[in-house]
């Protein structure tokens, strides 16, 4: 895995950890907390998917340039 992939993994793990810590320290009911955690995780995963798709497009473009297409 390249530097960008490692960075993105670290970013995602850090974001999940930070969001979970913030949510766990906030005074809320259990149900509200679970809903907030679920929403945060879904947002973070979506950001990861978008970053992955963008990187894939960039790599495909680079491959096409190298092939001369």
Protein backbone atom coordinates (compact mmCIF):
# COMPACT_ATOMS: atom_id res chain seq x y z
CA UNK A 1 0.00 0.00 0.00
CA UNK A 2 1.36 3.37 -0.97
CA UNK A 3 1.76 6.47 1.11
CA UNK A 4 -1.65 7.82 0.09
CA UNK A 5 -3.39 4.57 1.02
CA UNK A 6 -1.69 4.50 4.39
CA UNK A 7 -2.61 8.12 4.96
CA UNK A 8 -6.26 7.48 4.05
CA UNK A 9 -6.42 4.46 6.35
CA UNK A 10 -4.95 6.50 9.18
CA UNK A 11 -7.34 9.34 8.46
CA UNK A 12 -10.36 7.05 8.53
CA UNK A 13 -9.25 5.27 11.71
CA UNK A 14 -8.50 8.59 13.38
CA UNK A 15 -11.84 10.05 12.35
CA UNK A 16 -13.74 7.03 13.65
CA UNK A 17 -11.79 7.08 16.92
CA UNK A 18 -12.29 10.81 17.40
CA UNK A 19 -15.98 10.66 16.58
CA UNK A 20 -16.53 7.70 18.90
CA UNK A 21 -14.66 9.40 21.75
CA UNK A 22 -16.64 12.62 21.30
CA UNK A 23 -19.92 10.75 21.20
CA UNK A 24 -19.07 8.60 24.22
CA UNK A 25 -18.15 11.64 26.29
CA UNK A 26 -21.30 13.56 25.38
CA UNK A 27 -24.19 13.22 27.84
CA UNK A 28 -26.89 11.40 25.85
CA UNK A 29 -29.21 8.46 26.21
CA UNK A 30 -28.05 5.08 24.93
CA UNK A 31 -30.40 5.12 21.96
CA UNK A 32 -29.36 8.64 20.93
CA UNK A 33 -25.72 7.70 21.30
CA UNK A 34 -26.10 4.59 19.12
CA UNK A 35 -27.88 6.60 16.43
CA UNK A 36 -25.17 9.28 16.50
CA UNK A 37 -22.39 6.70 16.27
CA UNK A 38 -24.14 4.92 13.40
CA UNK A 39 -24.59 8.21 11.52
CA UNK A 40 -20.96 9.25 12.06
CA UNK A 41 -19.62 5.86 10.95
CA UNK A 42 -21.81 5.94 7.83
CA UNK A 43 -20.53 9.43 6.96
CA UNK A 44 -16.91 8.39 7.48
CA UNK A 45 -17.34 5.25 5.40
CA UNK A 46 -18.93 7.30 2.62
CA UNK A 47 -15.96 9.69 2.69
CA UNK A 48 -13.66 6.68 2.42
CA UNK A 49 -15.62 5.31 -0.53
CA UNK A 50 -15.46 8.66 -2.32
CA UNK A 51 -11.71 8.93 -1.70
CA UNK A 52 -11.21 5.37 -2.93
CA UNK A 53 -13.25 5.98 -6.08
CA UNK A 54 -11.33 9.20 -6.78
CA UNK A 55 -8.01 7.41 -6.34
CA UNK A 56 -9.17 4.61 -8.63
CA UNK A 57 -10.11 7.12 -11.34
CA UNK A 58 -6.73 8.82 -10.98
CA UNK A 59 -4.89 5.52 -11.29
CA UNK A 60 -6.96 4.49 -14.32
CA UNK A 61 -6.16 7.81 -16.00
CA UNK A 62 -2.48 7.35 -15.24
CA UNK A 63 -2.57 3.80 -16.63
CA UNK A 64 -4.30 5.01 -19.81
CA UNK A 65 -1.63 7.71 -20.25
CA UNK A 66 1.10 5.12 -19.84
CA UNK A 67 -0.60 2.88 -22.41
CA UNK A 68 -0.86 5.83 -24.77
CA UNK A 69 -4.66 5.86 -24.94
